[in-house]
Amino acid sequence: MATYKILTRDGVADAGQEQMLLDIAAELQKPGARLLLHLHGGLVDEASGIAGADRLSGVGPNSWQLGGATPEWTEVYVIWRTGAFETVKTNWMDLVHNDRLYQTVLRKLIGFVARKLGVPDLAARGPGSLAIDEDEIQRRLLGKAGPRPFDHIDEEMAPTQAPGSRAAIMTEQTNGELAIEFEDELATDLSFQQVSADIDEAINVPSGARAPSLGANQSDGQKMLDRLDNAVTGQLQAPVAVAGGARGIVSAAAFLVKHGGQIAIRSFKRFRSGRDHGLHATIVEEVCREFYGDLLGATVWGMMVKDAGDHFGPGKLGSALVDIVKANAPQDFVVTGHSAGSIWASRFLLAAKAAGLTKPVKLFLLAPAVREDLFAEMIGKAGDLIERCRMITMTDELERRDALLGHDKAYIYPSSLLYVVSGMFEELNAKAYPDAPILGMQRFASVSGLNTDEQTAAKAIAAFFQAPDHGIISSPTPGVSVADTHGDFDNEPLTLATARALF
């Protein structure tokens, strides 16, 4: 058995690894050669990527166990540096516990939406039946009421209802009317007024537009300003001074209220259409997307998705691997992708088909984070290359409870990385794409409210997995896979053994 760990940046293998590619080609020329190409998950740094490759290529129960009796295997691990998770975790913790703008907008919107929700089929409840006192909301958002303080509301909201039934839990007001009402409540909230005054101070005093104000905290305002996305702070820049005139003053409150209204409109649209992720997750997603996406990894995720595609340009690593496999067709060719590795794998298969590769591929996807539209494109163009495919992923119940930052931090965000990606990180045509269909989310096998393009992709994917020797395995399935967190799928012994048995 030969193992190769290839480090890349911007789609290009690190300098000095040219010999490694020649050695891989030589290994594949041996009689009975078999190739495993593994792509790790997203937001993984170099050290973690290398450690994962060392473990998977080893001999322990949480490895592929391809050595020993099967020395003909060549294992290739592409370490595409995408690490940012620890930074995301640190930033989010700081935001929750130290940023008064985040706390205020989140508290106000959760309270507002909860008042507007009702569940008519449960004891004839109507609007306002789920209302929570704002002091209690604040306590829950800071983790002082247990790790999952809003689960009871999510259970009563019945997210599996059809769009028509789901809309009945909202009031008769339109989304626009609700947004205007929320803007009015936000603007008159004393905490919001103080937050706005502090941010106002941080903008206008340093610019010389006005003198310091009594009671405003410029330092704290600057910290809140620094956490905001560039798209928001760009609107809050002090105007350029005009010769002979005073520098204009920026009103932070007016801008922030309008952004709050946009968050409200998007939230209500999702609740009415059945495209929400539950009360807590949805509102956190929308607040973070509007104000803090850059801070919490949206930009990094977008760069990572782009990087996956960049591996297949001229002179890039992915293209080189395609050429090697095409020229030295191994007896067996297996591609495994965990999480965002499924994006890389999909791009690889598209490039392989375009290059004229005919060698059949066995594809194994572990909690895949690839968007359904990309995967549908891949199977439409390169699906005939895939002789066997299994996707192993969590049930939606586990996905919703797999708190990204740890189960004790579910008060910050209650669900998995795939939910975060779907709710916060994806864009379509340079616009927000909330509830973007992700292949590994069981939710999208039955969710209502898909648009025409999404339905077309979903039907193609369903047909693909119903084909002979293809299929989807839900975890937990005793004796097959018991992975119960997103990160487990590339190290849980039963899951790896199940995939290995199909190699």
Protein backbone atom coordinates (compact mmCIF):
# COMPACT_ATOMS: atom_id res chain seq x y z
CA MET A 1 0.00 0.00 0.00
CA ALA A 2 1.21 3.49 -0.84
CA THR A 3 -0.17 6.63 0.75
CA TYR A 4 0.17 10.18 -0.55
CA LYS A 5 -0.88 13.40 1.15
CA ILE A 6 -0.97 16.29 -1.31
CA LEU A 7 -1.22 19.80 0.08
CA THR A 8 -2.81 22.45 -2.08
CA ARG A 9 -3.58 26.15 -2.03
CA ASP A 10 -5.79 27.92 -4.57
CA GLY A 11 -6.09 24.66 -6.50
CA VAL A 12 -2.33 24.23 -6.95
CA ALA A 13 -0.18 21.57 -5.27
CA ASP A 14 2.50 22.97 -2.99
CA ALA A 15 5.96 23.36 -4.47
CA GLY A 16 8.11 20.23 -4.30
CA GLN A 17 5.26 17.75 -4.75
CA GLU A 18 5.83 17.11 -8.44
CA GLN A 19 7.61 13.82 -7.70
CA MET A 20 4.61 12.69 -5.69
CA LEU A 21 2.38 12.86 -8.77
CA LEU A 22 4.92 10.85 -10.77
CA ASP A 23 5.01 8.25 -7.99
CA ILE A 24 1.20 7.97 -7.97
CA ALA A 25 1.24 7.34 -11.72
CA ALA A 26 3.90 4.65 -11.25
CA GLU A 27 1.86 2.93 -8.54
CA LEU A 28 -1.19 2.81 -10.81
CA GLN A 29 0.81 1.12 -13.54
CA LYS A 30 1.33 -1.94 -11.33
CA PRO A 31 -0.87 -5.03 -12.02
CA GLY A 32 -4.12 -4.99 -10.03
CA ALA A 33 -3.59 -1.42 -8.81
CA ARG A 34 -6.46 0.17 -6.93
CA LEU A 35 -6.90 3.87 -6.18
CA LEU A 36 -8.68 5.61 -3.32
CA LEU A 37 -9.02 9.39 -3.63
CA HIS A 38 -10.27 10.97 -0.40
CA LEU A 39 -11.45 14.57 0.05
CA HIS A 40 -11.82 15.88 3.59
CA GLY A 41 -14.46 18.22 4.92
CA GLY A 42 -14.61 21.99 4.90
CA LEU A 43 -13.23 24.52 7.39
CA VAL A 44 -10.37 22.08 8.14
CA ASP A 45 -6.88 23.45 8.68
CA GLU A 46 -3.67 21.85 7.42
CA ALA A 47 -2.79 20.08 10.67
CA SER A 48 -6.28 18.58 11.01
CA GLY A 49 -6.30 17.54 7.36
CA ILE A 50 -2.97 15.74 7.73
CA ALA A 51 -4.05 14.11 11.01
CA GLY A 52 -7.24 12.86 9.36
CA ALA A 53 -5.28 11.40 6.43
CA ASP A 54 -2.86 9.68 8.83
CA ARG A 55 -5.77 8.15 10.74
CA LEU A 56 -7.74 7.00 7.69
CA SER A 57 -4.66 5.46 6.09
CA GLY A 58 -3.72 3.68 9.31
CA VAL A 59 -4.82 0.35 10.77
CA GLY A 60 -7.15 1.34 13.61
CA PRO A 61 -10.94 0.80 13.70
CA ASN A 62 -11.50 4.39 12.55
CA SER A 63 -9.42 3.96 9.39
CA TRP A 64 -10.13 2.59 5.91
CA GLN A 65 -7.99 -0.46 6.82
CA LEU A 66 -6.79 -0.91 3.25
CA GLY A 67 -3.28 -2.05 4.12
CA GLY A 68 -2.11 -5.53 5.05
CA ALA A 69 -4.10 -8.00 2.97
CA THR A 70 -4.74 -5.46 0.21
CA PRO A 71 -1.35 -3.89 -0.53
CA GLU A 72 -2.42 -3.02 -4.07
CA TRP A 73 -4.29 0.06 -2.82
CA THR A 74 -2.86 3.51 -3.47
CA GLU A 75 -4.43 6.10 -1.16
CA VAL A 76 -4.37 9.77 -2.17
CA TYR A 77 -5.49 12.42 0.32
CA VAL A 78 -5.90 15.96 -0.98
CA ILE A 79 -5.35 18.42 1.87
CA TRP A 80 -7.03 21.56 0.56
CA ARG A 81 -6.54 24.07 3.34
CA THR A 82 -9.92 25.51 4.25
CA GLY A 83 -9.49 25.90 8.00
CA ALA A 84 -11.52 28.52 9.82
CA PHE A 85 -13.66 26.61 12.31
CA GLU A 86 -11.90 27.67 15.49
CA THR A 87 -12.02 31.30 14.35
CA VAL A 88 -15.74 30.97 13.60
CA LYS A 89 -16.35 29.45 17.04
CA THR A 90 -14.39 32.18 18.83
CA ASN A 91 -16.10 34.97 16.88
CA TRP A 92 -19.57 33.57 17.47
CA MET A 93 -18.99 33.17 21.21
CA ASP A 94 -17.77 36.77 21.38
CA LEU A 95 -20.77 37.96 19.40
CA VAL A 96 -23.30 36.21 21.63
CA HIS A 97 -21.84 37.28 24.94
CA ASN A 98 -20.33 40.69 24.18
CA ASP A 99 -22.11 42.37 21.26
CA ARG A 100 -25.13 44.37 22.40
CA LEU A 101 -26.37 45.01 18.85
CA TYR A 102 -26.52 41.27 18.14
CA GLN A 103 -28.18 40.59 21.49
CA THR A 104 -30.76 43.33 21.00
CA VAL A 105 -31.80 42.54 17.43
CA LEU A 106 -31.95 38.79 18.13
CA ARG A 107 -33.93 39.25 21.35
CA LYS A 108 -36.38 41.69 19.76
CA LEU A 109 -36.99 39.57 16.66
CA ILE A 110 -37.43 36.29 18.52
CA GLY A 111 -39.90 37.99 20.85
CA PHE A 112 -41.73 39.63 17.96
CA VAL A 113 -42.02 36.47 15.87
CA ALA A 114 -43.05 34.37 18.88
CA ARG A 115 -45.91 36.81 19.55
CA LYS A 116 -47.07 36.53 15.95
CA LEU A 117 -47.03 32.73 15.91
CA GLY A 118 -49.79 30.44 16.97
CA VAL A 119 -50.64 26.81 16.43
CA PRO A 120 -54.37 26.65 15.63
CA ASP A 121 -54.60 22.86 15.68
CA LEU A 122 -53.22 22.66 19.23
CA ALA A 123 -56.02 23.57 21.65
CA ALA A 124 -57.27 26.22 19.21
CA ARG A 125 -54.29 28.44 19.89
CA GLY A 126 -53.99 31.63 17.94
CA PRO A 127 -51.47 34.44 17.42
CA GLY A 128 -49.54 35.25 20.56
CA SER A 129 -49.81 31.75 22.03
CA LEU A 130 -46.03 31.26 21.92
CA ALA A 131 -45.07 34.67 23.31
CA ILE A 132 -42.04 34.86 25.63
CA ASP A 133 -41.04 37.73 27.90
CA GLU A 134 -37.99 39.57 26.52
CA ASP A 135 -36.03 39.27 29.75
CA GLU A 136 -36.57 35.52 29.56
CA ILE A 137 -35.49 35.49 25.91
CA GLN A 138 -32.28 37.30 26.85
CA ARG A 139 -31.61 34.77 29.60
CA ARG A 140 -32.08 31.90 27.16
CA LEU A 141 -29.90 33.47 24.47
CA LEU A 142 -27.02 33.72 26.96
CA GLY A 143 -27.25 30.03 27.84
CA LYS A 144 -28.75 30.55 31.29
CA ALA A 145 -31.79 28.33 30.63
CA GLY A 146 -30.07 25.22 29.34
CA PRO A 147 -28.44 24.40 26.00
CA ARG A 148 -31.63 24.14 23.92
CA PRO A 149 -33.97 26.85 25.25
CA PHE A 150 -36.32 27.12 22.25
CA ASP A 151 -36.94 23.46 21.39
CA HIS A 152 -40.48 23.50 22.79
CA ILE A 153 -41.47 26.22 20.29
CA ASP A 154 -39.86 24.42 17.37
CA GLU A 155 -41.78 21.27 18.27
CA GLU A 156 -45.10 23.13 18.33
CA MET A 157 -44.40 24.89 15.04
CA ALA A 158 -44.58 21.53 13.21
CA PRO A 159 -42.08 22.30 10.41
CA THR A 160 -43.25 19.33 8.32
CA GLN A 161 -46.62 20.88 7.57
CA ALA A 162 -47.42 21.78 3.97
CA PRO A 163 -46.96 25.46 3.02
CA GLY A 164 -50.70 26.17 3.16
CA SER A 165 -51.07 24.70 6.61
CA ARG A 166 -47.88 26.29 7.81
CA ALA A 167 -49.03 29.76 6.73
CA ALA A 168 -52.01 29.41 9.02
CA ILE A 169 -49.80 29.79 12.09
CA MET A 170 -48.96 33.36 11.09
CA THR A 171 -51.18 36.36 11.63
CA GLU A 172 -53.20 37.86 8.77
CA GLN A 173 -50.64 40.66 8.33
CA THR A 174 -48.50 40.69 5.19
CA ASN A 175 -44.73 40.29 5.42
CA GLY A 176 -44.32 44.00 4.67
CA GLU A 177 -46.77 45.01 7.39
CA LEU A 178 -45.00 42.77 9.89
CA ALA A 179 -41.61 44.21 8.92
CA ILE A 180 -42.83 47.80 9.38
CA GLU A 181 -44.28 46.93 12.77
CA PHE A 182 -40.99 45.32 13.78
CA GLU A 183 -38.99 48.34 12.62
CA ASP A 184 -41.18 50.58 14.79
CA GLU A 185 -40.67 48.34 17.83
CA LEU A 186 -36.93 48.14 17.26
CA ALA A 187 -36.55 51.89 16.81
CA THR A 188 -38.32 52.63 20.11
CA ASP A 189 -36.46 49.99 22.15
CA LEU A 190 -34.25 51.67 24.76
CA SER A 191 -31.46 49.11 24.42
CA PHE A 192 -31.40 49.57 20.65
CA GLN A 193 -31.31 53.35 21.04
CA GLN A 194 -28.27 53.09 23.31
CA VAL A 195 -26.55 50.66 20.95
CA SER A 196 -27.21 52.98 18.02
CA ALA A 197 -25.91 55.98 19.98
CA ASP A 198 -22.65 54.14 20.73
CA ILE A 199 -22.16 53.13 17.09
CA ASP A 200 -23.11 56.66 16.04
CA GLU A 201 -20.41 57.97 18.35
CA ALA A 202 -17.80 55.65 16.83
CA ILE A 203 -18.61 56.91 13.34
CA ASN A 204 -19.14 60.64 13.78
CA VAL A 205 -16.70 61.69 16.49
CA PRO A 206 -13.49 60.38 14.86
CA SER A 207 -14.57 61.91 11.54
CA GLY A 208 -14.91 65.32 13.18
CA ALA A 209 -18.59 65.58 12.27
CA ARG A 210 -19.48 66.39 15.86
CA ALA A 211 -18.18 66.50 19.41
CA PRO A 212 -18.52 63.56 21.84
CA SER A 213 -21.98 63.02 23.33
CA LEU A 214 -22.74 62.63 26.99
CA GLY A 215 -23.54 59.00 27.85
CA ALA A 216 -22.33 57.41 24.58
CA ASN A 217 -19.63 54.74 24.65
CA GLN A 218 -17.42 55.28 21.60
CA SER A 219 -15.10 52.36 22.40
CA ASP A 220 -17.92 49.84 22.66
CA GLY A 221 -19.54 51.31 19.58
CA GLN A 222 -16.32 50.79 17.63
CA LYS A 223 -16.15 47.14 18.70
CA MET A 224 -19.73 46.57 17.48
CA LEU A 225 -18.94 48.42 14.26
CA ASP A 226 -15.84 46.28 13.67
CA ARG A 227 -17.86 43.05 13.87
CA LEU A 228 -20.31 44.11 11.16
CA ASP A 229 -20.00 43.00 7.53
CA ASN A 230 -18.27 45.33 5.12
CA ALA A 231 -21.53 45.60 3.20
CA VAL A 232 -23.13 47.19 6.27
CA THR A 233 -20.22 49.33 7.43
CA GLY A 234 -19.88 50.69 3.90
CA GLN A 235 -23.26 52.34 4.39
CA LEU A 236 -22.16 53.74 7.73
CA GLN A 237 -19.05 55.56 6.54
CA ALA A 238 -18.88 59.24 7.42
CA PRO A 239 -19.46 61.39 4.29
CA VAL A 240 -16.43 62.98 2.67
CA ALA A 241 -15.97 66.57 3.84
CA VAL A 242 -16.94 69.20 1.30
CA ALA A 243 -14.69 72.26 1.11
CA GLY A 244 -16.19 75.17 2.94
CA GLY A 245 -18.90 73.07 4.62
CA ALA A 246 -19.35 70.93 7.70
CA ARG A 247 -18.85 67.16 7.43
CA GLY A 248 -22.16 65.29 7.26
CA ILE A 249 -23.42 63.29 10.23
CA VAL A 250 -24.38 59.63 9.86
CA SER A 251 -27.49 58.34 11.64
CA ALA A 252 -26.61 54.77 12.57
CA ALA A 253 -30.07 54.07 13.97
CA ALA A 254 -31.87 54.69 10.68
CA PHE A 255 -29.59 52.32 8.77
CA LEU A 256 -29.74 49.59 11.43
CA VAL A 257 -33.52 49.75 11.66
CA LYS A 258 -33.84 49.25 7.90
CA HIS A 259 -31.55 46.23 8.07
CA GLY A 260 -33.71 44.92 10.91
CA GLY A 261 -36.75 45.24 8.66
CA GLN A 262 -35.03 43.23 5.92
CA ILE A 263 -34.21 40.50 8.43
CA ALA A 264 -37.85 40.42 9.51
CA ILE A 265 -39.19 40.18 5.94
CA ARG A 266 -36.91 37.27 5.06
CA SER A 267 -37.76 35.48 8.30
CA PHE A 268 -41.51 35.74 7.73
CA LYS A 269 -41.16 34.59 4.13
CA ARG A 270 -39.38 31.48 5.31
CA PHE A 271 -41.91 30.73 8.05
CA ARG A 272 -44.86 31.08 5.68
CA SER A 273 -43.32 28.95 2.92
CA GLY A 274 -42.03 26.13 5.11
CA ARG A 275 -38.41 27.02 4.26
CA ASP A 276 -37.46 27.86 7.85
CA HIS A 277 -35.17 25.85 10.13
CA GLY A 278 -37.23 26.40 13.27
CA LEU A 279 -37.73 29.62 15.24
CA HIS A 280 -34.32 29.85 16.90
CA ALA A 281 -32.14 28.66 14.01
CA THR A 282 -33.95 30.69 11.36
CA ILE A 283 -33.73 34.00 13.18
CA VAL A 284 -30.08 33.44 14.13
CA GLU A 285 -29.33 32.63 10.47
CA GLU A 286 -31.06 35.74 9.17
CA VAL A 287 -29.52 38.10 11.73
CA CYS A 288 -26.07 36.67 11.11
CA ARG A 289 -26.42 36.69 7.33
CA GLU A 290 -27.51 40.34 7.33
CA PHE A 291 -24.98 41.67 9.83
CA TYR A 292 -22.20 39.16 10.51
CA GLY A 293 -21.70 36.73 7.62
CA ASP A 294 -18.06 37.72 7.11
CA LEU A 295 -17.33 37.26 10.81
CA LEU A 296 -18.92 33.80 10.98
CA GLY A 297 -17.48 32.15 7.90
CA ALA A 298 -19.77 32.95 4.96
CA THR A 299 -16.91 34.52 3.02
CA VAL A 300 -14.59 31.62 3.86
CA TRP A 301 -17.21 29.10 2.75
CA GLY A 302 -17.71 30.94 -0.54
CA MET A 303 -13.95 30.99 -1.14
CA MET A 304 -13.76 27.28 -0.33
CA VAL A 305 -16.52 26.42 -2.80
CA LYS A 306 -14.69 28.45 -5.44
CA ASP A 307 -11.41 26.77 -4.52
CA ALA A 308 -12.95 23.34 -5.16
CA GLY A 309 -13.66 24.38 -8.74
CA ASP A 310 -10.30 26.10 -9.13
CA HIS A 311 -8.54 22.73 -8.74
CA PHE A 312 -9.64 21.86 -12.28
CA GLY A 313 -8.17 24.67 -14.35
CA PRO A 314 -5.08 24.32 -16.54
CA GLY A 315 -2.04 23.30 -14.52
CA LYS A 316 -4.09 22.69 -11.36
CA LEU A 317 -3.94 19.61 -9.13
CA GLY A 318 -7.39 18.24 -9.92
CA SER A 319 -6.69 18.32 -13.63
CA ALA A 320 -3.36 16.53 -13.07
CA LEU A 321 -5.11 13.77 -11.12
CA VAL A 322 -7.71 13.38 -13.86
CA ASP A 323 -4.91 12.95 -16.41
CA ILE A 324 -3.11 10.39 -14.21
CA VAL A 325 -6.23 8.25 -13.76
CA LYS A 326 -7.07 8.48 -17.46
CA ALA A 327 -3.58 7.39 -18.52
CA ASN A 328 -3.19 4.66 -15.88
CA ALA A 329 -6.68 3.24 -15.33
CA PRO A 330 -6.57 1.33 -12.00
CA GLN A 331 -8.48 -1.89 -11.49
CA ASP A 332 -10.70 -0.17 -8.94
CA PHE A 333 -11.20 3.56 -8.53
CA VAL A 334 -12.91 4.83 -5.37
CA VAL A 335 -13.68 8.47 -4.53
CA THR A 336 -14.74 9.35 -1.00
CA GLY A 337 -15.86 12.81 0.09
CA HIS A 338 -16.76 13.98 3.58
CA SER A 339 -18.81 17.17 4.01
CA ALA A 340 -17.38 19.83 1.65
CA GLY A 341 -15.17 17.13 0.15
CA SER A 342 -18.30 16.17 -1.80
CA ILE A 343 -18.09 19.52 -3.62
CA TRP A 344 -14.51 18.70 -4.69
CA ALA A 345 -15.59 15.17 -5.69
CA SER A 346 -18.45 16.51 -7.83
CA ARG A 347 -16.10 18.92 -9.59
CA PHE A 348 -13.62 16.09 -10.14
CA LEU A 349 -16.23 13.91 -11.85
CA LEU A 350 -17.38 16.76 -14.06
CA ALA A 351 -13.77 17.42 -15.09
CA ALA A 352 -13.09 13.70 -15.58
CA LYS A 353 -16.05 13.31 -17.92
CA ALA A 354 -15.07 16.42 -19.88
CA ALA A 355 -11.53 15.02 -20.24
CA GLY A 356 -12.84 11.76 -21.69
CA LEU A 357 -12.24 9.50 -18.69
CA THR A 358 -14.09 6.20 -19.09
CA LYS A 359 -12.89 4.33 -16.00
CA PRO A 360 -15.92 3.56 -13.74
CA VAL A 361 -15.91 5.21 -10.34
CA LYS A 362 -17.24 4.04 -6.98
CA LEU A 363 -18.43 7.16 -5.14
CA PHE A 364 -19.01 7.35 -1.39
CA LEU A 365 -20.40 10.52 0.16
CA LEU A 366 -20.28 11.04 3.92
CA ALA A 367 -22.63 13.77 5.22
CA PRO A 368 -22.13 15.64 1.92
CA ALA A 369 -22.28 19.44 1.92
CA VAL A 370 -22.53 19.78 -1.88
CA ARG A 371 -25.51 21.79 -3.05
CA GLU A 372 -28.17 19.78 -4.85
CA ASP A 373 -28.04 21.87 -8.02
CA LEU A 374 -24.31 21.12 -8.46
CA PHE A 375 -24.76 17.42 -7.69
CA ALA A 376 -27.68 17.21 -10.15
CA GLU A 377 -25.52 18.87 -12.80
CA MET A 378 -22.78 16.33 -12.12
CA ILE A 379 -25.00 13.27 -12.40
CA GLY A 380 -26.60 14.72 -15.53
CA LYS A 381 -23.23 15.08 -17.24
CA ALA A 382 -21.05 12.45 -15.56
CA GLY A 383 -23.46 10.08 -13.84
CA ASP A 384 -22.66 7.30 -16.32
CA LEU A 385 -19.12 7.16 -14.86
CA ILE A 386 -20.47 6.13 -11.46
CA GLU A 387 -20.87 2.36 -11.16
CA ARG A 388 -21.68 2.40 -7.44
CA CYS A 389 -22.68 5.19 -5.09
CA ARG A 390 -23.67 5.34 -1.45
CA MET A 391 -24.49 8.40 0.58
CA ILE A 392 -24.36 7.99 4.36
CA THR A 393 -25.85 10.87 6.29
CA MET A 394 -27.81 11.74 9.42
CA THR A 395 -31.54 11.68 9.92
CA ASP A 396 -33.04 15.14 10.00
CA GLU A 397 -33.83 14.72 13.69
CA LEU A 398 -30.14 14.26 14.47
CA GLU A 399 -29.12 16.97 11.99
CA ARG A 400 -31.31 19.50 13.81
CA ARG A 401 -29.84 18.53 17.18
CA ASP A 402 -26.17 18.37 16.15
CA ALA A 403 -25.21 21.78 17.52
CA LEU A 404 -22.34 23.14 15.41
CA LEU A 405 -20.36 24.64 18.30
CA GLY A 406 -20.96 21.68 20.63
CA HIS A 407 -24.04 20.35 22.38
CA ASP A 408 -23.45 22.62 25.38
CA LYS A 409 -23.48 25.63 23.01
CA ALA A 410 -26.81 24.87 21.31
CA TYR A 411 -28.19 28.06 22.86
CA ILE A 412 -26.00 29.89 20.31
CA TYR A 413 -27.11 27.81 17.31
CA PRO A 414 -29.02 24.52 17.70
CA SER A 415 -28.23 22.60 14.52
CA SER A 416 -25.46 21.16 12.35
CA LEU A 417 -22.89 22.61 9.97
CA LEU A 418 -25.10 21.59 7.04
CA TYR A 419 -27.95 23.66 8.48
CA VAL A 420 -25.60 26.63 8.90
CA VAL A 421 -24.39 26.28 5.30
CA SER A 422 -27.95 25.98 4.00
CA GLY A 423 -29.30 28.82 6.11
CA MET A 424 -26.42 31.32 6.17
CA PHE A 425 -23.61 30.68 3.72
CA GLU A 426 -25.00 29.92 0.28
CA GLU A 427 -25.68 32.47 -2.46
CA LEU A 428 -27.38 32.19 -5.84
CA ASN A 429 -26.64 34.77 -8.52
CA ALA A 430 -24.80 36.89 -5.92
CA LYS A 431 -27.90 37.04 -3.70
CA ALA A 432 -28.74 35.37 -0.41
CA TYR A 433 -29.98 31.81 -0.86
CA PRO A 434 -31.52 30.83 2.50
CA ASP A 435 -32.54 27.20 2.93
CA ALA A 436 -30.35 26.22 -0.01
CA PRO A 437 -30.92 22.50 -0.71
CA ILE A 438 -27.87 20.56 0.49
CA LEU A 439 -27.46 16.94 -0.62
CA GLY A 440 -26.66 15.53 2.81
CA MET A 441 -29.71 17.05 4.51
CA GLN A 442 -32.52 14.52 4.75
CA ARG A 443 -34.88 17.48 5.07
CA PHE A 444 -34.80 18.13 1.33
CA ALA A 445 -36.14 14.71 0.44
CA SER A 446 -39.57 15.84 1.63
CA VAL A 447 -39.51 19.61 2.26
CA SER A 448 -42.35 21.58 0.75
CA GLY A 449 -42.01 24.87 -1.05
CA LEU A 450 -39.20 23.99 -3.47
CA ASN A 451 -39.14 26.13 -6.59
CA THR A 452 -39.16 24.65 -10.09
CA ASP A 453 -35.38 24.41 -10.45
CA GLU A 454 -35.03 22.87 -7.00
CA GLN A 455 -37.76 20.33 -7.75
CA THR A 456 -36.04 19.36 -11.00
CA ALA A 457 -32.74 18.79 -9.21
CA ALA A 458 -34.45 16.84 -6.41
CA LYS A 459 -36.20 14.52 -8.88
CA ALA A 460 -32.93 13.83 -10.74
CA ILE A 461 -31.16 13.05 -7.47
CA ALA A 462 -33.97 10.77 -6.27
CA ALA A 463 -33.87 8.82 -9.53
CA PHE A 464 -30.08 8.53 -9.34
CA PHE A 465 -30.11 7.02 -5.85
CA GLN A 466 -32.88 4.60 -6.82
CA ALA A 467 -30.73 3.15 -9.60
CA PRO A 468 -29.12 -0.30 -9.12
CA ASP A 469 -26.12 -0.34 -6.75
CA HIS A 470 -26.83 3.21 -5.59
CA GLY A 471 -28.51 4.19 -2.36
CA ILE A 472 -28.81 6.34 0.74
CA ILE A 473 -28.03 5.08 4.24
CA SER A 474 -29.44 7.01 7.19
CA SER A 475 -27.52 7.16 10.43
CA PRO A 476 -28.24 5.81 12.93
CA THR A 477 -28.81 2.37 11.41
CA PRO A 478 -27.66 -0.31 13.87
CA GLY A 479 -24.81 -2.39 12.53
CA VAL A 480 -24.32 -0.06 9.56
CA SER A 481 -23.66 3.49 10.80
CA VAL A 482 -24.15 5.15 14.17
CA ALA A 483 -22.49 8.49 13.44
CA ASP A 484 -24.53 11.11 15.28
CA THR A 485 -22.54 14.30 14.66
CA HIS A 486 -21.41 15.84 11.38
CA GLY A 487 -17.74 15.38 12.18
CA ASP A 488 -18.17 11.67 12.99
CA PHE A 489 -18.76 10.47 9.47
CA ASP A 490 -15.09 10.11 8.57
CA ASN A 491 -14.07 8.46 11.85
CA GLU A 492 -16.99 6.34 13.10
CA PRO A 493 -15.92 2.67 12.75
CA LEU A 494 -19.23 1.23 11.51
CA THR A 495 -19.63 3.96 8.90
CA LEU A 496 -16.13 3.41 7.55
CA ALA A 497 -16.54 -0.37 7.61
CA THR A 498 -19.80 -0.11 5.65
CA ALA A 499 -18.19 2.01 2.95
CA ARG A 500 -15.06 -0.15 2.88
CA ALA A 501 -17.12 -3.31 2.38
CA LEU A 502 -18.51 -1.73 -0.80
CA PHE A 503 -15.10 -0.67 -2.15
